[in-house]
Amino acid sequence: QERVAYTFYDPHVATKDLVDEVFNVTNSNAKCL
């Protein structure tokens, strides 16, 4: 959540849906590779 918010000037642009999407990606070994 912190790293996704780092993408934006306004951290509120990093919505829960957006954070959830990145979180799910980073929990997949195949996707991370």
PDB file of all heavy atoms in Angstrom:
ATOM      1  N   GLN A   1       0.825  -1.202   0.000  1.00  0.00           N
ATOM      2  CA  GLN A   1       0.000   0.000   0.000  1.00  0.00           C
ATOM      3  C   GLN A   1       0.867   1.263   0.000  1.00  0.00           C
ATOM      4  O   GLN A   1       0.612   2.217  -0.744  1.00  0.00           O
ATOM      5  CB  GLN A   1      -0.916  -0.019   1.222  1.00  0.00           C
ATOM      6  CG  GLN A   1      -1.928   1.115   1.264  1.00  0.00           C
ATOM      7  CD  GLN A   1      -2.850   0.968   2.447  1.00  0.00           C
ATOM      8  OE1 GLN A   1      -2.440   0.531   3.531  1.00  0.00           O
ATOM      9  NE2 GLN A   1      -4.115   1.314   2.271  1.00  0.00           N
ATOM     10  N   GLU A   2       1.919   1.248   0.814  1.00  0.00           N
ATOM     11  CA  GLU A   2       2.829   2.388   0.876  1.00  0.00           C
ATOM     12  C   GLU A   2       3.536   2.612  -0.456  1.00  0.00           C
ATOM     13  O   GLU A   2       3.681   3.737  -0.930  1.00  0.00           O
ATOM     14  CB  GLU A   2       3.864   2.156   1.983  1.00  0.00           C
ATOM     15  CG  GLU A   2       4.917   3.241   2.083  1.00  0.00           C
ATOM     16  CD  GLU A   2       6.036   2.858   3.036  1.00  0.00           C
ATOM     17  OE1 GLU A   2       5.810   1.994   3.905  1.00  0.00           O
ATOM     18  OE2 GLU A   2       7.143   3.410   2.883  1.00  0.00           O
ATOM     19  N   ARG A   3       3.996   1.518  -1.070  1.00  0.00           N
ATOM     20  CA  ARG A   3       4.734   1.636  -2.329  1.00  0.00           C
ATOM     21  C   ARG A   3       3.834   2.088  -3.473  1.00  0.00           C
ATOM     22  O   ARG A   3       4.265   2.848  -4.347  1.00  0.00           O
ATOM     23  CB  ARG A   3       5.389   0.297  -2.683  1.00  0.00           C
ATOM     24  CG  ARG A   3       6.485  -0.149  -1.733  1.00  0.00           C
ATOM     25  CD  ARG A   3       7.629   0.842  -1.683  1.00  0.00           C
ATOM     26  NE  ARG A   3       7.457   1.865  -0.659  1.00  0.00           N
ATOM     27  CZ  ARG A   3       8.164   2.963  -0.556  1.00  0.00           C
ATOM     28  NH1 ARG A   3       9.109   3.231  -1.424  1.00  0.00           N
ATOM     29  NH2 ARG A   3       7.949   3.821   0.407  1.00  0.00           N
ATOM     30  N   VAL A   4       2.590   1.619  -3.506  1.00  0.00           N
ATOM     31  CA  VAL A   4       1.660   2.049  -4.553  1.00  0.00           C
ATOM     32  C   VAL A   4       1.341   3.531  -4.371  1.00  0.00           C
ATOM     33  O   VAL A   4       1.304   4.299  -5.339  1.00  0.00           O
ATOM     34  CB  VAL A   4       0.375   1.199  -4.532  1.00  0.00           C
ATOM     35  CG1 VAL A   4      -0.655   1.755  -5.526  1.00  0.00           C
ATOM     36  CG2 VAL A   4       0.694  -0.250  -4.885  1.00  0.00           C
ATOM     37  N   ALA A   5       1.117   3.955  -3.134  1.00  0.00           N
ATOM     38  CA  ALA A   5       0.846   5.370  -2.865  1.00  0.00           C
ATOM     39  C   ALA A   5       2.020   6.245  -3.288  1.00  0.00           C
ATOM     40  O   ALA A   5       1.836   7.399  -3.691  1.00  0.00           O
ATOM     41  CB  ALA A   5       0.539   5.562  -1.380  1.00  0.00           C
ATOM     42  N   TYR A   6       3.233   5.698  -3.216  1.00  0.00           N
ATOM     43  CA  TYR A   6       4.449   6.414  -3.598  1.00  0.00           C
ATOM     44  C   TYR A   6       4.416   6.825  -5.073  1.00  0.00           C
ATOM     45  O   TYR A   6       5.086   7.777  -5.478  1.00  0.00           O
ATOM     46  CB  TYR A   6       5.638   5.492  -3.322  1.00  0.00           C
ATOM     47  CG  TYR A   6       7.022   6.040  -3.605  1.00  0.00           C
ATOM     48  CD1 TYR A   6       7.687   6.811  -2.664  1.00  0.00           C
ATOM     49  CD2 TYR A   6       7.679   5.734  -4.797  1.00  0.00           C
ATOM     50  CE1 TYR A   6       8.971   7.289  -2.909  1.00  0.00           C
ATOM     51  CE2 TYR A   6       8.952   6.208  -5.046  1.00  0.00           C
ATOM     52  CZ  TYR A   6       9.599   6.981  -4.101  1.00  0.00           C
ATOM     53  OH  TYR A   6      10.860   7.438  -4.342  1.00  0.00           O
ATOM     54  N   THR A   7       3.599   6.136  -5.863  1.00  0.00           N
ATOM     55  CA  THR A   7       3.482   6.430  -7.287  1.00  0.00           C
ATOM     56  C   THR A   7       2.827   7.792  -7.523  1.00  0.00           C
ATOM     57  O   THR A   7       3.082   8.433  -8.541  1.00  0.00           O
ATOM     58  CB  THR A   7       2.656   5.331  -7.981  1.00  0.00           C
ATOM     59  OG1 THR A   7       3.269   4.068  -7.745  1.00  0.00           O
ATOM     60  CG2 THR A   7       2.553   5.564  -9.471  1.00  0.00           C
ATOM     61  N   PHE A   8       2.001   8.230  -6.579  1.00  0.00           N
ATOM     62  CA  PHE A   8       1.182   9.418  -6.787  1.00  0.00           C
ATOM     63  C   PHE A   8       1.575  10.549  -5.838  1.00  0.00           C
ATOM     64  O   PHE A   8       2.092  10.311  -4.749  1.00  0.00           O
ATOM     65  CB  PHE A   8      -0.299   9.073  -6.580  1.00  0.00           C
ATOM     66  CG  PHE A   8      -0.786   7.941  -7.440  1.00  0.00           C
ATOM     67  CD1 PHE A   8      -0.932   6.666  -6.907  1.00  0.00           C
ATOM     68  CD2 PHE A   8      -1.081   8.138  -8.771  1.00  0.00           C
ATOM     69  CE1 PHE A   8      -1.378   5.616  -7.686  1.00  0.00           C
ATOM     70  CE2 PHE A   8      -1.521   7.096  -9.564  1.00  0.00           C
ATOM     71  CZ  PHE A   8      -1.666   5.834  -9.026  1.00  0.00           C
ATOM     72  N   TYR A   9       1.286  11.770  -6.252  1.00  0.00           N
ATOM     73  CA  TYR A   9       1.442  12.909  -5.350  1.00  0.00           C
ATOM     74  C   TYR A   9       0.390  12.838  -4.241  1.00  0.00           C
ATOM     75  O   TYR A   9       0.694  13.038  -3.068  1.00  0.00           O
ATOM     76  CB  TYR A   9       1.303  14.212  -6.132  1.00  0.00           C
ATOM     77  CG  TYR A   9       1.291  15.444  -5.254  1.00  0.00           C
ATOM     78  CD1 TYR A   9       2.474  15.960  -4.738  1.00  0.00           C
ATOM     79  CD2 TYR A   9       0.085  16.079  -4.931  1.00  0.00           C
ATOM     80  CE1 TYR A   9       2.472  17.080  -3.917  1.00  0.00           C
ATOM     81  CE2 TYR A   9       0.070  17.198  -4.121  1.00  0.00           C
ATOM     82  CZ  TYR A   9       1.266  17.691  -3.612  1.00  0.00           C
ATOM     83  OH  TYR A   9       1.251  18.792  -2.800  1.00  0.00           O
ATOM     84  N   ASP A  10      -0.842  12.548  -4.641  1.00  0.00           N
ATOM     85  CA  ASP A  10      -1.942  12.401  -3.688  1.00  0.00           C
ATOM     86  C   ASP A  10      -2.120  10.914  -3.401  1.00  0.00           C
ATOM     87  O   ASP A  10      -2.586  10.167  -4.256  1.00  0.00           O
ATOM     88  CB  ASP A  10      -3.228  12.981  -4.274  1.00  0.00           C
ATOM     89  CG  ASP A  10      -4.427  12.842  -3.321  1.00  0.00           C
ATOM     90  OD1 ASP A  10      -4.246  12.297  -2.211  1.00  0.00           O
ATOM     91  OD2 ASP A  10      -5.526  13.278  -3.708  1.00  0.00           O
ATOM     92  N   PRO A  11      -1.755  10.448  -2.206  1.00  0.00           N
ATOM     93  CA  PRO A  11      -1.840   9.008  -1.922  1.00  0.00           C
ATOM     94  C   PRO A  11      -3.245   8.443  -2.001  1.00  0.00           C
ATOM     95  O   PRO A  11      -3.417   7.236  -2.138  1.00  0.00           O
ATOM     96  CB  PRO A  11      -1.279   8.899  -0.495  1.00  0.00           C
ATOM     97  CG  PRO A  11      -1.401  10.265   0.088  1.00  0.00           C
ATOM     98  CD  PRO A  11      -1.258  11.219  -1.057  1.00  0.00           C
ATOM     99  N   HIS A  12      -4.263   9.315  -1.956  1.00  0.00           N
ATOM    100  CA  HIS A  12      -5.638   8.830  -2.037  1.00  0.00           C
ATOM    101  C   HIS A  12      -5.973   8.286  -3.426  1.00  0.00           C
ATOM    102  O   HIS A  12      -6.968   7.574  -3.591  1.00  0.00           O
ATOM    103  CB  HIS A  12      -6.621   9.949  -1.670  1.00  0.00           C
ATOM    104  CG  HIS A  12      -6.537  10.356  -0.221  1.00  0.00           C
ATOM    105  ND1 HIS A  12      -5.804  11.454   0.193  1.00  0.00           N
ATOM    106  CD2 HIS A  12      -7.057   9.800   0.893  1.00  0.00           C
ATOM    107  CE1 HIS A  12      -5.897  11.564   1.507  1.00  0.00           C
ATOM    108  NE2 HIS A  12      -6.639  10.578   1.961  1.00  0.00           N
ATOM    109  N   VAL A  13      -5.156   8.630  -4.422  1.00  0.00           N
ATOM    110  CA  VAL A  13      -5.365   8.077  -5.768  1.00  0.00           C
ATOM    111  C   VAL A  13      -5.096   6.573  -5.767  1.00  0.00           C
ATOM    112  O   VAL A  13      -5.632   5.833  -6.579  1.00  0.00           O
ATOM    113  CB  VAL A  13      -4.462   8.794  -6.799  1.00  0.00           C
ATOM    114  CG1 VAL A  13      -4.650   8.216  -8.195  1.00  0.00           C
ATOM    115  CG2 VAL A  13      -4.782  10.295  -6.805  1.00  0.00           C
ATOM    116  N   ALA A  14      -4.276   6.123  -4.817  1.00  0.00           N
ATOM    117  CA  ALA A  14      -3.993   4.684  -4.674  1.00  0.00           C
ATOM    118  C   ALA A  14      -5.172   4.023  -3.956  1.00  0.00           C
ATOM    119  O   ALA A  14      -5.155   3.770  -2.756  1.00  0.00           O
ATOM    120  CB  ALA A  14      -2.704   4.474  -3.895  1.00  0.00           C
ATOM    121  N   THR A  15      -6.225   3.759  -4.713  1.00  0.00           N
ATOM    122  CA  THR A  15      -7.442   3.187  -4.152  1.00  0.00           C
ATOM    123  C   THR A  15      -7.201   1.770  -3.645  1.00  0.00           C
ATOM    124  O   THR A  15      -6.216   1.117  -4.008  1.00  0.00           O
ATOM    125  CB  THR A  15      -8.552   3.151  -5.206  1.00  0.00           C
ATOM    126  OG1 THR A  15      -8.130   2.287  -6.281  1.00  0.00           O
ATOM    127  CG2 THR A  15      -8.829   4.546  -5.755  1.00  0.00           C
ATOM    128  N   LYS A  16      -8.123   1.298  -2.822  1.00  0.00           N
ATOM    129  CA  LYS A  16      -8.014  -0.067  -2.309  1.00  0.00           C
ATOM    130  C   LYS A  16      -8.004  -1.077  -3.449  1.00  0.00           C
ATOM    131  O   LYS A  16      -7.253  -2.056  -3.411  1.00  0.00           O
ATOM    132  CB  LYS A  16      -9.159  -0.376  -1.348  1.00  0.00           C
ATOM    133  CG  LYS A  16      -9.028  -1.746  -0.665  1.00  0.00           C
ATOM    134  CD  LYS A  16     -10.148  -1.987   0.318  1.00  0.00           C
ATOM    135  CE  LYS A  16      -9.937  -3.313   1.056  1.00  0.00           C
ATOM    136  NZ  LYS A  16      -9.830  -4.477   0.146  1.00  0.00           N
ATOM    137  N   ASP A  17      -8.812  -0.852  -4.473  1.00  0.00           N
ATOM    138  CA  ASP A  17      -8.838  -1.775  -5.617  1.00  0.00           C
ATOM    139  C   ASP A  17      -7.469  -1.845  -6.286  1.00  0.00           C
ATOM    140  O   ASP A  17      -7.010  -2.929  -6.669  1.00  0.00           O
ATOM    141  CB  ASP A  17      -9.890  -1.334  -6.641  1.00  0.00           C
ATOM    142  CG  ASP A  17     -11.311  -1.610  -6.169  1.00  0.00           C
ATOM    143  OD1 ASP A  17     -11.471  -2.392  -5.207  1.00  0.00           O
ATOM    144  OD2 ASP A  17     -12.250  -1.054  -6.767  1.00  0.00           O
ATOM    145  N   LEU A  18      -6.822  -0.688  -6.432  1.00  0.00           N
ATOM    146  CA  LEU A  18      -5.511  -0.652  -7.061  1.00  0.00           C
ATOM    147  C   LEU A  18      -4.474  -1.358  -6.196  1.00  0.00           C
ATOM    148  O   LEU A  18      -3.664  -2.151  -6.694  1.00  0.00           O
ATOM    149  CB  LEU A  18      -5.097   0.800  -7.314  1.00  0.00           C
ATOM    150  CG  LEU A  18      -3.795   1.040  -8.065  1.00  0.00           C
ATOM    151  CD1 LEU A  18      -3.831   0.376  -9.433  1.00  0.00           C
ATOM    152  CD2 LEU A  18      -3.538   2.535  -8.210  1.00  0.00           C
ATOM    153  N   VAL A  19      -4.498  -1.089  -4.901  1.00  0.00           N
ATOM    154  CA  VAL A  19      -3.559  -1.749  -3.985  1.00  0.00           C
ATOM    155  C   VAL A  19      -3.806  -3.255  -3.962  1.00  0.00           C
ATOM    156  O   VAL A  19      -2.850  -4.051  -3.989  1.00  0.00           O
ATOM    157  CB  VAL A  19      -3.676  -1.155  -2.568  1.00  0.00           C
ATOM    158  CG1 VAL A  19      -2.788  -1.924  -1.586  1.00  0.00           C
ATOM    159  CG2 VAL A  19      -3.300   0.321  -2.572  1.00  0.00           C
ATOM    160  N   ASP A  20      -5.063  -3.655  -3.924  1.00  0.00           N
ATOM    161  CA  ASP A  20      -5.394  -5.085  -3.921  1.00  0.00           C
ATOM    162  C   ASP A  20      -4.850  -5.779  -5.169  1.00  0.00           C
ATOM    163  O   ASP A  20      -4.329  -6.903  -5.089  1.00  0.00           O
ATOM    164  CB  ASP A  20      -6.912  -5.282  -3.860  1.00  0.00           C
ATOM    165  CG  ASP A  20      -7.491  -4.966  -2.490  1.00  0.00           C
ATOM    166  OD1 ASP A  20      -6.710  -4.805  -1.534  1.00  0.00           O
ATOM    167  OD2 ASP A  20      -8.730  -4.883  -2.391  1.00  0.00           O
ATOM    168  N   GLU A  21      -4.950  -5.093  -6.311  1.00  0.00           N
ATOM    169  CA  GLU A  21      -4.477  -5.680  -7.562  1.00  0.00           C
ATOM    170  C   GLU A  21      -2.964  -5.917  -7.514  1.00  0.00           C
ATOM    171  O   GLU A  21      -2.482  -6.993  -7.873  1.00  0.00           O
ATOM    172  CB  GLU A  21      -4.838  -4.766  -8.729  1.00  0.00           C
ATOM    173  CG  GLU A  21      -4.451  -5.312 -10.088  1.00  0.00           C
ATOM    174  CD  GLU A  21      -4.900  -4.415 -11.226  1.00  0.00           C
ATOM    175  OE1 GLU A  21      -5.727  -3.510 -10.987  1.00  0.00           O
ATOM    176  OE2 GLU A  21      -4.416  -4.614 -12.352  1.00  0.00           O
ATOM    177  N   VAL A  22      -2.210  -4.915  -7.057  1.00  0.00           N
ATOM    178  CA  VAL A  22      -0.756  -5.066  -6.961  1.00  0.00           C
ATOM    179  C   VAL A  22      -0.390  -6.111  -5.912  1.00  0.00           C
ATOM    180  O   VAL A  22       0.518  -6.925  -6.109  1.00  0.00           O
ATOM    181  CB  VAL A  22      -0.092  -3.714  -6.650  1.00  0.00           C
ATOM    182  CG1 VAL A  22       1.410  -3.885  -6.438  1.00  0.00           C
ATOM    183  CG2 VAL A  22      -0.355  -2.713  -7.778  1.00  0.00           C
ATOM    184  N   PHE A  23      -1.103  -6.107  -4.796  1.00  0.00           N
ATOM    185  CA  PHE A  23      -0.848  -7.078  -3.731  1.00  0.00           C
ATOM    186  C   PHE A  23      -1.016  -8.503  -4.252  1.00  0.00           C
ATOM    187  O   PHE A  23      -0.189  -9.387  -3.983  1.00  0.00           O
ATOM    188  CB  PHE A  23      -1.796  -6.825  -2.559  1.00  0.00           C
ATOM    189  CG  PHE A  23      -1.605  -7.778  -1.408  1.00  0.00           C
ATOM    190  CD1 PHE A  23      -0.505  -7.666  -0.566  1.00  0.00           C
ATOM    191  CD2 PHE A  23      -2.538  -8.775  -1.160  1.00  0.00           C
ATOM    192  CE1 PHE A  23      -0.331  -8.533   0.503  1.00  0.00           C
ATOM    193  CE2 PHE A  23      -2.372  -9.651  -0.096  1.00  0.00           C
ATOM    194  CZ  PHE A  23      -1.267  -9.537   0.736  1.00  0.00           C
ATOM    195  N   ASN A  24      -2.084  -8.735  -5.012  1.00  0.00           N
ATOM    196  CA  ASN A  24      -2.317 -10.076  -5.558  1.00  0.00           C
ATOM    197  C   ASN A  24      -1.231 -10.475  -6.553  1.00  0.00           C
ATOM    198  O   ASN A  24      -0.805 -11.636  -6.595  1.00  0.00           O
ATOM    199  CB  ASN A  24      -3.687 -10.138  -6.231  1.00  0.00           C
ATOM    200  CG  ASN A  24      -4.831 -10.051  -5.235  1.00  0.00           C
ATOM    201  OD1 ASN A  24      -4.683 -10.440  -4.077  1.00  0.00           O
ATOM    202  ND2 ASN A  24      -5.968  -9.523  -5.665  1.00  0.00           N
ATOM    203  N   VAL A  25      -0.758  -9.508  -7.335  1.00  0.00           N
ATOM    204  CA  VAL A  25       0.311  -9.781  -8.290  1.00  0.00           C
ATOM    205  C   VAL A  25       1.585 -10.188  -7.558  1.00  0.00           C
ATOM    206  O   VAL A  25       2.247 -11.176  -7.912  1.00  0.00           O
ATOM    207  CB  VAL A  25       0.582  -8.548  -9.178  1.00  0.00           C
ATOM    208  CG1 VAL A  25       1.882  -8.719  -9.950  1.00  0.00           C
ATOM    209  CG2 VAL A  25      -0.572  -8.324 -10.141  1.00  0.00           C
ATOM    210  N   THR A  26       1.931  -9.445  -6.508  1.00  0.00           N
ATOM    211  CA  THR A  26       3.190  -9.711  -5.822  1.00  0.00           C
ATOM    212  C   THR A  26       3.151 -10.993  -4.992  1.00  0.00           C
ATOM    213  O   THR A  26       4.195 -11.451  -4.524  1.00  0.00           O
ATOM    214  CB  THR A  26       3.576  -8.531  -4.898  1.00  0.00           C
ATOM    215  OG1 THR A  26       2.546  -8.337  -3.917  1.00  0.00           O
ATOM    216  CG2 THR A  26       3.748  -7.252  -5.706  1.00  0.00           C
ATOM    217  N   ASN A  27       1.981 -11.575  -4.814  1.00  0.00           N
ATOM    218  CA  ASN A  27       1.881 -12.835  -4.086  1.00  0.00           C
ATOM    219  C   ASN A  27       1.903 -14.049  -5.007  1.00  0.00           C
ATOM    220  O   ASN A  27       1.688 -15.176  -4.555  1.00  0.00           O
ATOM    221  CB  ASN A  27       0.610 -12.867  -3.230  1.00  0.00           C
ATOM    222  CG  ASN A  27       0.828 -12.192  -1.893  1.00  0.00           C
ATOM    223  OD1 ASN A  27       1.935 -12.212  -1.358  1.00  0.00           O
ATOM    224  ND2 ASN A  27      -0.196 -11.579  -1.357  1.00  0.00           N
ATOM    225  N   SER A  28       2.157 -13.813  -6.285  1.00  0.00           N
ATOM    226  CA  SER A  28       2.266 -14.906  -7.253  1.00  0.00           C
ATOM    227  C   SER A  28       3.726 -15.045  -7.677  1.00  0.00           C
ATOM    228  O   SER A  28       4.310 -14.113  -8.237  1.00  0.00           O
ATOM    229  CB  SER A  28       1.398 -14.614  -8.481  1.00  0.00           C
ATOM    230  OG  SER A  28       1.757 -15.447  -9.564  1.00  0.00           O
ATOM    231  N   ASN A  29       4.315 -16.202  -7.407  1.00  0.00           N
ATOM    232  CA  ASN A  29       5.709 -16.424  -7.790  1.00  0.00           C
ATOM    233  C   ASN A  29       5.919 -16.248  -9.285  1.00  0.00           C
ATOM    234  O   ASN A  29       6.891 -15.632  -9.732  1.00  0.00           O
ATOM    235  CB  ASN A  29       6.156 -17.833  -7.371  1.00  0.00           C
ATOM    236  CG  ASN A  29       6.520 -17.905  -5.899  1.00  0.00           C
ATOM    237  OD1 ASN A  29       6.910 -16.921  -5.295  1.00  0.00           O
ATOM    238  ND2 ASN A  29       6.378 -19.091  -5.323  1.00  0.00           N
ATOM    239  N   ALA A  30       5.011 -16.825 -10.076  1.00  0.00           N
ATOM    240  CA  ALA A  30       5.156 -16.765 -11.535  1.00  0.00           C
ATOM    241  C   ALA A  30       5.110 -15.327 -12.033  1.00  0.00           C
ATOM    242  O   ALA A  30       5.910 -14.922 -12.893  1.00  0.00           O
ATOM    243  CB  ALA A  30       4.054 -17.594 -12.196  1.00  0.00           C
ATOM    244  N   LYS A  31       4.183 -14.538 -11.494  1.00  0.00           N
ATOM    245  CA  LYS A  31       4.081 -13.147 -11.923  1.00  0.00           C
ATOM    246  C   LYS A  31       5.288 -12.345 -11.465  1.00  0.00           C
ATOM    247  O   LYS A  31       5.811 -11.509 -12.212  1.00  0.00           O
ATOM    248  CB  LYS A  31       2.787 -12.532 -11.387  1.00  0.00           C
ATOM    249  CG  LYS A  31       1.528 -13.112 -12.033  1.00  0.00           C
ATOM    250  CD  LYS A  31       0.258 -12.499 -11.452  1.00  0.00           C
ATOM    251  CE  LYS A  31      -0.971 -13.089 -12.114  1.00  0.00           C
ATOM    252  NZ  LYS A  31      -2.227 -12.517 -11.554  1.00  0.00           N
ATOM    253  N   CYS A  32       5.742 -12.598 -10.252  1.00  0.00           N
ATOM    254  CA  CYS A  32       6.908 -11.871  -9.737  1.00  0.00           C
ATOM    255  C   CYS A  32       8.148 -12.126 -10.577  1.00  0.00           C
ATOM    256  O   CYS A  32       8.937 -11.209 -10.829  1.00  0.00           O
ATOM    257  CB  CYS A  32       7.179 -12.275  -8.285  1.00  0.00           C
ATOM    258  SG  CYS A  32       6.156 -11.393  -7.087  1.00  0.00           S
ATOM    259  N   LEU A  33       8.334 -13.358 -11.012  1.00  0.00           N
ATOM    260  CA  LEU A  33       9.488 -13.676 -11.841  1.00  0.00           C
ATOM    261  C   LEU A  33       9.477 -12.859 -13.129  1.00  0.00           C
ATOM    262  O   LEU A  33      10.521 -12.361 -13.576  1.00  0.00           O
ATOM    263  CB  LEU A  33       9.517 -15.172 -12.168  1.00  0.00           C
ATOM    264  CG  LEU A  33       9.964 -16.098 -11.035  1.00  0.00           C
ATOM    265  CD1 LEU A  33       9.767 -17.560 -11.443  1.00  0.00           C
ATOM    266  CD2 LEU A  33      11.415 -15.846 -10.656  1.00  0.00           C
TER     267      LEU A  33
END
